[in-house]
């Protein structure tokens, strides 16, 4: 058996073996979900919820290692940064900060992430949709500021 063939067999066995390393694909209960206007809710669900909520839709390839490890890592990080399923549990100060970040990242085209879009083209935001999210975030921040002033 040639050296090249042995290398391919070893790589194949490794790829097969890593399929048995489990990755949690769970969606915890929605504790205190965000309740924006319907138009904003649709945009958040379509472009943000897979990584930033407890309502992740786990695609078939989230069951294939090593891709499953990357997806799990990204969802875990996304939820830790901003979780719309826990929005009601955030303090007003934290909400204000998250809304400010949303304005910035959506406005600059950093979100949704570029590597996410090829497999999820429906998550792509048009300029009008980006502006809708930004306007909503600004209005929410103004409402928070007004409530804090009272």
C-alpha atoms as a PDB file:
ATOM      1  CA  UNK A   1       0.000   0.000   0.000  1.00  0.00           C
ATOM      2  CA  UNK A   2       1.386   3.383  -1.005  1.00  0.00           C
ATOM      3  CA  UNK A   3       2.144   6.117   1.502  1.00  0.00           C
ATOM      4  CA  UNK A   4      -0.412   8.386  -0.159  1.00  0.00           C
ATOM      5  CA  UNK A   5      -3.169   5.806   0.217  1.00  0.00           C
ATOM      6  CA  UNK A   6      -2.308   5.314   3.897  1.00  0.00           C
ATOM      7  CA  UNK A   7      -2.570   9.067   4.476  1.00  0.00           C
ATOM      8  CA  UNK A   8      -6.017   9.154   2.832  1.00  0.00           C
ATOM      9  CA  UNK A   9      -7.189   6.209   4.931  1.00  0.00           C
ATOM     10  CA  UNK A  10      -5.979   7.863   8.140  1.00  0.00           C
ATOM     11  CA  UNK A  11      -7.648  11.155   7.205  1.00  0.00           C
ATOM     12  CA  UNK A  12     -10.856   9.306   6.340  1.00  0.00           C
ATOM     13  CA  UNK A  13     -10.835   7.445   9.652  1.00  0.00           C
ATOM     14  CA  UNK A  14     -10.218  10.701  11.537  1.00  0.00           C
ATOM     15  CA  UNK A  15     -13.101  12.396   9.738  1.00  0.00           C
ATOM     16  CA  UNK A  16     -15.316   9.438  10.528  1.00  0.00           C
ATOM     17  CA  UNK A  17     -14.175   9.327  14.145  1.00  0.00           C
ATOM     18  CA  UNK A  18     -14.856  12.990  14.861  1.00  0.00           C
ATOM     19  CA  UNK A  19     -18.497  12.459  13.920  1.00  0.00           C
ATOM     20  CA  UNK A  20     -18.884  10.761  17.298  1.00  0.00           C
ATOM     21  CA  UNK A  21     -17.842  13.891  19.224  1.00  0.00           C
ATOM     22  CA  UNK A  22     -21.234  15.339  20.172  1.00  0.00           C
ATOM     23  CA  UNK A  23     -22.054  19.018  19.978  1.00  0.00           C
ATOM     24  CA  UNK A  24     -25.122  20.340  21.789  1.00  0.00           C
ATOM     25  CA  UNK A  25     -27.757  21.652  19.399  1.00  0.00           C
ATOM     26  CA  UNK A  26     -30.243  22.831  21.918  1.00  0.00           C
ATOM     27  CA  UNK A  27     -32.576  25.739  22.137  1.00  0.00           C
ATOM     28  CA  UNK A  28     -33.199  26.748  25.742  1.00  0.00           C
ATOM     29  CA  UNK A  29     -36.689  28.009  26.548  1.00  0.00           C
ATOM     30  CA  UNK A  30     -37.519  31.544  25.502  1.00  0.00           C
ATOM     31  CA  UNK A  31     -37.475  33.389  28.817  1.00  0.00           C
ATOM     32  CA  UNK A  32     -38.333  37.001  28.044  1.00  0.00           C
ATOM     33  CA  UNK A  33     -38.496  37.551  24.302  1.00  0.00           C
ATOM     34  CA  UNK A  34     -38.242  40.885  22.597  1.00  0.00           C
ATOM     35  CA  UNK A  35     -41.543  42.290  21.302  1.00  0.00           C
ATOM     36  CA  UNK A  36     -40.786  44.852  18.598  1.00  0.00           C
ATOM     37  CA  UNK A  37     -43.214  45.980  15.886  1.00  0.00           C
ATOM     38  CA  UNK A  38     -44.100  43.213  13.416  1.00  0.00           C
ATOM     39  CA  UNK A  39     -41.928  44.633  10.620  1.00  0.00           C
ATOM     40  CA  UNK A  40     -38.873  44.626  12.892  1.00  0.00           C
ATOM     41  CA  UNK A  41     -39.726  41.190  14.318  1.00  0.00           C
ATOM     42  CA  UNK A  42     -39.714  39.703  10.809  1.00  0.00           C
ATOM     43  CA  UNK A  43     -36.292  41.213  10.091  1.00  0.00           C
ATOM     44  CA  UNK A  44     -34.832  40.038  13.398  1.00  0.00           C
ATOM     45  CA  UNK A  45     -36.205  36.524  12.931  1.00  0.00           C
ATOM     46  CA  UNK A  46     -34.930  36.291   9.365  1.00  0.00           C
ATOM     47  CA  UNK A  47     -31.488  37.789   9.861  1.00  0.00           C
ATOM     48  CA  UNK A  48     -30.550  37.597  13.540  1.00  0.00           C
ATOM     49  CA  UNK A  49     -32.377  34.880  15.465  1.00  0.00           C
ATOM     50  CA  UNK A  50     -30.253  31.907  14.343  1.00  0.00           C
ATOM     51  CA  UNK A  51     -27.298  33.255  16.339  1.00  0.00           C
ATOM     52  CA  UNK A  52     -28.937  35.756  18.681  1.00  0.00           C
ATOM     53  CA  UNK A  53     -31.891  33.891  20.184  1.00  0.00           C
ATOM     54  CA  UNK A  54     -32.908  30.586  21.701  1.00  0.00           C
ATOM     55  CA  UNK A  55     -34.802  29.832  18.488  1.00  0.00           C
ATOM     56  CA  UNK A  56     -31.875  28.701  16.353  1.00  0.00           C
ATOM     57  CA  UNK A  57     -32.744  26.646  13.296  1.00  0.00           C
ATOM     58  CA  UNK A  58     -30.017  24.006  13.233  1.00  0.00           C
ATOM     59  CA  UNK A  59     -29.329  23.077   9.563  1.00  0.00           C
ATOM     60  CA  UNK A  60     -28.367  19.560   8.504  1.00  0.00           C
ATOM     61  CA  UNK A  61     -24.688  20.471   8.289  1.00  0.00           C
ATOM     62  CA  UNK A  62     -24.722  21.394  11.994  1.00  0.00           C
ATOM     63  CA  UNK A  63     -24.583  17.632  12.527  1.00  0.00           C
ATOM     64  CA  UNK A  64     -21.359  17.120  10.560  1.00  0.00           C
ATOM     65  CA  UNK A  65     -18.041  17.644  12.340  1.00  0.00           C
ATOM     66  CA  UNK A  66     -15.948  19.768  12.202  1.00  0.00           C
ATOM     67  CA  UNK A  67     -18.512  22.222  10.789  1.00  0.00           C
ATOM     68  CA  UNK A  68     -20.806  21.438  13.731  1.00  0.00           C
ATOM     69  CA  UNK A  69     -18.123  22.668  16.129  1.00  0.00           C
ATOM     70  CA  UNK A  70     -17.849  26.001  14.319  1.00  0.00           C
ATOM     71  CA  UNK A  71     -21.600  26.515  14.204  1.00  0.00           C
ATOM     72  CA  UNK A  72     -21.983  25.672  17.874  1.00  0.00           C
ATOM     73  CA  UNK A  73     -19.180  28.102  18.761  1.00  0.00           C
ATOM     74  CA  UNK A  74     -20.737  30.886  16.695  1.00  0.00           C
ATOM     75  CA  UNK A  75     -24.235  30.377  18.152  1.00  0.00           C
ATOM     76  CA  UNK A  76     -22.878  30.224  21.690  1.00  0.00           C
ATOM     77  CA  UNK A  77     -20.892  33.433  21.158  1.00  0.00           C
ATOM     78  CA  UNK A  78     -23.813  35.145  19.434  1.00  0.00           C
ATOM     79  CA  UNK A  79     -26.194  34.301  22.265  1.00  0.00           C
ATOM     80  CA  UNK A  80     -23.691  35.519  24.852  1.00  0.00           C
ATOM     81  CA  UNK A  81     -23.298  38.842  23.027  1.00  0.00           C
ATOM     82  CA  UNK A  82     -27.008  39.455  22.413  1.00  0.00           C
ATOM     83  CA  UNK A  83     -29.942  37.142  23.020  1.00  0.00           C
ATOM     84  CA  UNK A  84     -33.340  38.384  21.877  1.00  0.00           C
ATOM     85  CA  UNK A  85     -34.957  35.482  23.769  1.00  0.00           C
ATOM     86  CA  UNK A  86     -33.728  37.022  27.024  1.00  0.00           C
ATOM     87  CA  UNK A  87     -34.285  40.670  26.117  1.00  0.00           C
ATOM     88  CA  UNK A  88     -36.865  41.233  28.858  1.00  0.00           C
ATOM     89  CA  UNK A  89     -34.337  40.199  31.490  1.00  0.00           C
ATOM     90  CA  UNK A  90     -31.810  42.828  30.386  1.00  0.00           C
ATOM     91  CA  UNK A  91     -31.455  46.020  32.373  1.00  0.00           C
ATOM     92  CA  UNK A  92     -32.342  49.262  30.614  1.00  0.00           C
ATOM     93  CA  UNK A  93     -28.654  50.158  30.532  1.00  0.00           C
ATOM     94  CA  UNK A  94     -27.764  46.856  28.858  1.00  0.00           C
ATOM     95  CA  UNK A  95     -30.625  47.218  26.361  1.00  0.00           C
ATOM     96  CA  UNK A  96     -29.388  50.704  25.475  1.00  0.00           C
ATOM     97  CA  UNK A  97     -25.878  49.367  24.926  1.00  0.00           C
ATOM     98  CA  UNK A  98     -27.106  46.446  22.792  1.00  0.00           C
ATOM     99  CA  UNK A  99     -29.300  48.759  20.712  1.00  0.00           C
ATOM    100  CA  UNK A 100     -26.341  51.067  20.177  1.00  0.00           C
ATOM    101  CA  UNK A 101     -24.251  48.094  19.021  1.00  0.00           C
ATOM    102  CA  UNK A 102     -27.081  46.954  16.745  1.00  0.00           C
ATOM    103  CA  UNK A 103     -27.205  50.400  15.122  1.00  0.00           C
ATOM    104  CA  UNK A 104     -23.456  50.346  14.582  1.00  0.00           C
ATOM    105  CA  UNK A 105     -23.035  46.775  13.349  1.00  0.00           C
ATOM    106  CA  UNK A 106     -26.100  46.724  11.110  1.00  0.00           C
ATOM    107  CA  UNK A 107     -25.331  50.226   9.835  1.00  0.00           C
ATOM    108  CA  UNK A 108     -21.771  49.307   8.922  1.00  0.00           C
ATOM    109  CA  UNK A 109     -22.863  46.032   7.304  1.00  0.00           C
ATOM    110  CA  UNK A 110     -21.014  43.904   9.880  1.00  0.00           C
ATOM    111  CA  UNK A 111     -24.210  42.006  10.699  1.00  0.00           C
ATOM    112  CA  UNK A 112     -25.352  39.551   9.544  1.00  0.00           C
ATOM    113  CA  UNK A 113     -21.859  38.124   9.242  1.00  0.00           C
ATOM    114  CA  UNK A 114     -20.539  37.798   5.689  1.00  0.00           C
ATOM    115  CA  UNK A 115     -19.675  34.100   6.044  1.00  0.00           C
ATOM    116  CA  UNK A 116     -23.238  33.336   7.183  1.00  0.00           C
ATOM    117  CA  UNK A 117     -24.920  34.802   4.110  1.00  0.00           C
ATOM    118  CA  UNK A 118     -23.851  32.361   1.349  1.00  0.00           C
ATOM    119  CA  UNK A 119     -25.743  29.501   3.022  1.00  0.00           C
ATOM    120  CA  UNK A 120     -28.524  31.808   4.263  1.00  0.00           C
ATOM    121  CA  UNK A 121     -29.187  34.320   1.466  1.00  0.00           C
ATOM    122  CA  UNK A 122     -32.613  35.089   2.967  1.00  0.00           C
ATOM    123  CA  UNK A 123     -30.781  36.749   5.877  1.00  0.00           C
ATOM    124  CA  UNK A 124     -29.286  39.421   3.620  1.00  0.00           C
ATOM    125  CA  UNK A 125     -30.659  42.839   4.554  1.00  0.00           C
ATOM    126  CA  UNK A 126     -31.463  45.438   1.928  1.00  0.00           C
ATOM    127  CA  UNK A 127     -30.527  49.044   2.634  1.00  0.00           C
ATOM    128  CA  UNK A 128     -34.159  49.802   3.463  1.00  0.00           C
ATOM    129  CA  UNK A 129     -34.290  46.879   5.901  1.00  0.00           C
ATOM    130  CA  UNK A 130     -31.043  48.004   7.508  1.00  0.00           C
ATOM    131  CA  UNK A 131     -32.483  51.461   7.927  1.00  0.00           C
ATOM    132  CA  UNK A 132     -35.683  50.032   9.432  1.00  0.00           C
ATOM    133  CA  UNK A 133     -33.635  48.236  12.097  1.00  0.00           C
ATOM    134  CA  UNK A 134     -31.493  51.302  12.764  1.00  0.00           C
ATOM    135  CA  UNK A 135     -34.522  53.585  13.055  1.00  0.00           C
ATOM    136  CA  UNK A 136     -36.204  51.133  15.438  1.00  0.00           C
ATOM    137  CA  UNK A 137     -33.061  50.875  17.592  1.00  0.00           C
ATOM    138  CA  UNK A 138     -32.773  54.676  17.753  1.00  0.00           C
ATOM    139  CA  UNK A 139     -36.427  55.005  18.732  1.00  0.00           C
ATOM    140  CA  UNK A 140     -36.039  52.327  21.424  1.00  0.00           C
ATOM    141  CA  UNK A 141     -32.967  54.075  22.804  1.00  0.00           C
ATOM    142  CA  UNK A 142     -34.829  57.385  22.884  1.00  0.00           C
ATOM    143  CA  UNK A 143     -37.719  55.722  24.740  1.00  0.00           C
ATOM    144  CA  UNK A 144     -35.293  54.236  27.263  1.00  0.00           C
ATOM    145  CA  UNK A 145     -33.656  57.627  27.779  1.00  0.00           C
ATOM    146  CA  UNK A 146     -37.026  59.315  28.191  1.00  0.00           C
ATOM    147  CA  UNK A 147     -38.163  56.698  30.721  1.00  0.00           C
ATOM    148  CA  UNK A 148     -34.930  57.107  32.690  1.00  0.00           C
ATOM    149  CA  UNK A 149     -35.402  60.886  32.827  1.00  0.00           C
ATOM    150  CA  UNK A 150     -38.822  60.544  34.465  1.00  0.00           C
END
